[in-house]
Amino acid sequence: MDRTCPECGDKIIGRADKKYCSSSCRNARNNSQNKDSKNMIRNINNRLRKNYRILEKLNPEEKTKTTKAKLNAAGFDFNYFTSIYTTKAGTIYYFIYDQGYLPLDGYFYALVKRNN
């Protein structure tokens, strides 16, 4: 029984369980599958990484205060975070991994680092 490569259609020579004729065909097929969703995930991860670096740079200690203008100037996107922590008092912290921020009055933000 002749088997053909699902990517290019060439004949497959080799092991009985081999699916592609070459590594380049295997890579091309894997890269083309779910390209849109992988692109979306990559963009979100890049956005989270940028937000994390901004918080890390502005908060070299474990706690500090900054302004919304500084965060915006650095390119911070408030729509992307990894978790929300609500205290017993109802205060809501937004976290990007272990770096977090607390909106204080619309202009100032408290930056914190969670120690795990």
C-alpha atoms as a PDB file:
ATOM      1  CA  MET A   1       0.000   0.000   0.000  1.00  0.00           C
ATOM      2  CA  ASP A   2       1.474   3.338  -1.060  1.00  0.00           C
ATOM      3  CA  ARG A   3       1.149   6.158   1.413  1.00  0.00           C
ATOM      4  CA  THR A   4       1.262   9.811   0.443  1.00  0.00           C
ATOM      5  CA  CYS A   5       2.260  12.893   2.380  1.00  0.00           C
ATOM      6  CA  PRO A   6      -0.828  14.886   3.459  1.00  0.00           C
ATOM      7  CA  GLU A   7       1.095  18.145   2.935  1.00  0.00           C
ATOM      8  CA  CYS A   8       2.711  17.778  -0.505  1.00  0.00           C
ATOM      9  CA  GLY A   9       1.320  14.483  -1.852  1.00  0.00           C
ATOM     10  CA  ASP A  10       4.717  12.808  -2.368  1.00  0.00           C
ATOM     11  CA  LYS A  11       5.218   9.125  -1.643  1.00  0.00           C
ATOM     12  CA  ILE A  12       6.230   8.332   1.953  1.00  0.00           C
ATOM     13  CA  ILE A  13       9.256   6.074   2.300  1.00  0.00           C
ATOM     14  CA  GLY A  14      10.338   4.730   5.691  1.00  0.00           C
ATOM     15  CA  ARG A  15       8.713   3.554   8.882  1.00  0.00           C
ATOM     16  CA  ALA A  16       5.180   2.187   8.781  1.00  0.00           C
ATOM     17  CA  ASP A  17       3.882   4.884  11.149  1.00  0.00           C
ATOM     18  CA  LYS A  18       5.532   7.796   9.322  1.00  0.00           C
ATOM     19  CA  LYS A  19       2.949  10.425   8.332  1.00  0.00           C
ATOM     20  CA  TYR A  20       4.966  12.968   6.324  1.00  0.00           C
ATOM     21  CA  CYS A  21       7.644  12.631   3.669  1.00  0.00           C
ATOM     22  CA  SER A  22      10.007  15.089   5.392  1.00  0.00           C
ATOM     23  CA  SER A  23      10.486  17.265   8.436  1.00  0.00           C
ATOM     24  CA  SER A  24       9.730  20.380   6.405  1.00  0.00           C
ATOM     25  CA  CYS A  25       6.326  18.979   5.385  1.00  0.00           C
ATOM     26  CA  ARG A  26       5.584  17.993   8.992  1.00  0.00           C
ATOM     27  CA  ASN A  27       6.537  21.483  10.213  1.00  0.00           C
ATOM     28  CA  ALA A  28       4.561  23.209   7.461  1.00  0.00           C
ATOM     29  CA  ARG A  29       1.448  21.174   8.291  1.00  0.00           C
ATOM     30  CA  ASN A  30       1.744  21.783  12.037  1.00  0.00           C
ATOM     31  CA  ASN A  31       2.312  25.511  11.515  1.00  0.00           C
ATOM     32  CA  SER A  32      -0.690  25.842   9.217  1.00  0.00           C
ATOM     33  CA  GLN A  33      -3.109  24.092  11.584  1.00  0.00           C
ATOM     34  CA  ASN A  34      -4.840  26.472  13.998  1.00  0.00           C
ATOM     35  CA  LYS A  35      -2.827  29.399  12.656  1.00  0.00           C
ATOM     36  CA  ASP A  36      -5.486  31.956  13.607  1.00  0.00           C
ATOM     37  CA  SER A  37      -5.899  30.792  17.176  1.00  0.00           C
ATOM     38  CA  LYS A  38      -2.145  30.496  17.675  1.00  0.00           C
ATOM     39  CA  ASN A  39      -1.751  34.036  16.361  1.00  0.00           C
ATOM     40  CA  MET A  40      -4.388  35.304  18.802  1.00  0.00           C
ATOM     41  CA  ILE A  41      -2.686  33.504  21.713  1.00  0.00           C
ATOM     42  CA  ARG A  42       0.695  34.880  20.669  1.00  0.00           C
ATOM     43  CA  ASN A  43      -0.687  38.432  20.564  1.00  0.00           C
ATOM     44  CA  ILE A  44      -2.274  38.092  24.011  1.00  0.00           C
ATOM     45  CA  ASN A  45       0.917  36.634  25.492  1.00  0.00           C
ATOM     46  CA  ASN A  46       2.937  39.483  23.969  1.00  0.00           C
ATOM     47  CA  ARG A  47       0.522  42.020  25.496  1.00  0.00           C
ATOM     48  CA  LEU A  48       0.760  40.326  28.928  1.00  0.00           C
ATOM     49  CA  ARG A  49       4.552  40.197  28.676  1.00  0.00           C
ATOM     50  CA  LYS A  50       4.706  43.922  27.864  1.00  0.00           C
ATOM     51  CA  ASN A  51       2.386  44.811  30.768  1.00  0.00           C
ATOM     52  CA  TYR A  52       4.469  42.641  33.110  1.00  0.00           C
ATOM     53  CA  ARG A  53       7.712  44.335  32.076  1.00  0.00           C
ATOM     54  CA  ILE A  54       6.166  47.780  32.589  1.00  0.00           C
ATOM     55  CA  LEU A  55       5.005  46.910  36.108  1.00  0.00           C
ATOM     56  CA  GLU A  56       8.348  45.283  36.891  1.00  0.00           C
ATOM     57  CA  LYS A  57      10.235  48.390  35.749  1.00  0.00           C
ATOM     58  CA  LEU A  58       7.995  50.832  37.641  1.00  0.00           C
ATOM     59  CA  ASN A  59       7.961  48.657  40.780  1.00  0.00           C
ATOM     60  CA  PRO A  60      11.558  47.618  41.554  1.00  0.00           C
ATOM     61  CA  GLU A  61      10.657  47.183  45.240  1.00  0.00           C
ATOM     62  CA  GLU A  62       7.647  45.255  46.471  1.00  0.00           C
ATOM     63  CA  LYS A  63       5.333  48.271  46.740  1.00  0.00           C
ATOM     64  CA  THR A  64       5.216  51.674  45.103  1.00  0.00           C
ATOM     65  CA  LYS A  65       2.850  54.282  43.728  1.00  0.00           C
ATOM     66  CA  THR A  66       2.596  55.616  40.191  1.00  0.00           C
ATOM     67  CA  THR A  67       0.274  57.619  37.990  1.00  0.00           C
ATOM     68  CA  LYS A  68      -2.007  56.482  35.212  1.00  0.00           C
ATOM     69  CA  ALA A  69      -0.143  58.854  32.889  1.00  0.00           C
ATOM     70  CA  LYS A  70       3.149  56.996  33.482  1.00  0.00           C
ATOM     71  CA  LEU A  71       1.506  53.648  32.811  1.00  0.00           C
ATOM     72  CA  ASN A  72      -0.144  54.951  29.634  1.00  0.00           C
ATOM     73  CA  ALA A  73       3.101  56.570  28.455  1.00  0.00           C
ATOM     74  CA  ALA A  74       4.876  53.222  28.833  1.00  0.00           C
ATOM     75  CA  GLY A  75       2.177  51.523  26.727  1.00  0.00           C
ATOM     76  CA  PHE A  76       0.369  49.680  29.529  1.00  0.00           C
ATOM     77  CA  ASP A  77      -2.925  48.089  28.440  1.00  0.00           C
ATOM     78  CA  PHE A  78      -5.435  47.850  31.312  1.00  0.00           C
ATOM     79  CA  ASN A  79      -7.528  45.266  29.428  1.00  0.00           C
ATOM     80  CA  TYR A  80      -4.940  42.497  29.842  1.00  0.00           C
ATOM     81  CA  PHE A  81      -4.227  40.844  33.203  1.00  0.00           C
ATOM     82  CA  THR A  82      -4.008  37.267  34.443  1.00  0.00           C
ATOM     83  CA  SER A  83      -6.011  37.381  37.680  1.00  0.00           C
ATOM     84  CA  ILE A  84      -8.092  39.515  40.011  1.00  0.00           C
ATOM     85  CA  TYR A  85      -7.703  39.455  43.790  1.00  0.00           C
ATOM     86  CA  THR A  86     -10.471  40.861  45.973  1.00  0.00           C
ATOM     87  CA  THR A  87      -9.657  41.519  49.619  1.00  0.00           C
ATOM     88  CA  LYS A  88     -12.115  40.961  52.487  1.00  0.00           C
ATOM     89  CA  ALA A  89     -12.712  44.717  52.475  1.00  0.00           C
ATOM     90  CA  GLY A  90     -13.711  44.569  48.798  1.00  0.00           C
ATOM     91  CA  THR A  91     -10.558  46.154  47.356  1.00  0.00           C
ATOM     92  CA  ILE A  92      -9.814  44.792  43.873  1.00  0.00           C
ATOM     93  CA  TYR A  93      -6.221  44.170  42.768  1.00  0.00           C
ATOM     94  CA  TYR A  94      -5.400  43.253  39.167  1.00  0.00           C
ATOM     95  CA  PHE A  95      -2.417  40.960  38.638  1.00  0.00           C
ATOM     96  CA  ILE A  96      -0.184  40.026  35.738  1.00  0.00           C
ATOM     97  CA  TYR A  97       1.389  36.911  37.207  1.00  0.00           C
ATOM     98  CA  ASP A  98       3.013  38.188  40.434  1.00  0.00           C
ATOM     99  CA  GLN A  99       3.000  41.910  39.570  1.00  0.00           C
ATOM    100  CA  GLY A 100      -0.200  43.726  40.466  1.00  0.00           C
ATOM    101  CA  TYR A 101      -1.835  47.117  40.576  1.00  0.00           C
ATOM    102  CA  LEU A 102      -4.640  48.725  42.523  1.00  0.00           C
ATOM    103  CA  PRO A 103      -6.551  51.695  41.092  1.00  0.00           C
ATOM    104  CA  LEU A 104      -6.647  54.289  43.876  1.00  0.00           C
ATOM    105  CA  ASP A 105      -8.598  57.289  42.608  1.00  0.00           C
ATOM    106  CA  GLY A 106      -8.543  57.103  38.814  1.00  0.00           C
ATOM    107  CA  TYR A 107      -5.234  58.958  38.586  1.00  0.00           C
ATOM    108  CA  PHE A 108      -2.946  57.104  40.992  1.00  0.00           C
ATOM    109  CA  TYR A 109      -2.169  53.387  41.138  1.00  0.00           C
ATOM    110  CA  ALA A 110      -0.549  51.329  43.855  1.00  0.00           C
ATOM    111  CA  LEU A 111       1.866  48.762  42.415  1.00  0.00           C
ATOM    112  CA  VAL A 112       2.502  45.583  44.381  1.00  0.00           C
ATOM    113  CA  LYS A 113       4.424  42.351  44.014  1.00  0.00           C
ATOM    114  CA  ARG A 114       2.901  39.149  45.337  1.00  0.00           C
ATOM    115  CA  ASN A 115       5.314  36.914  47.218  1.00  0.00           C
ATOM    116  CA  ASN A 116       4.501  33.219  46.736  1.00  0.00           C
END
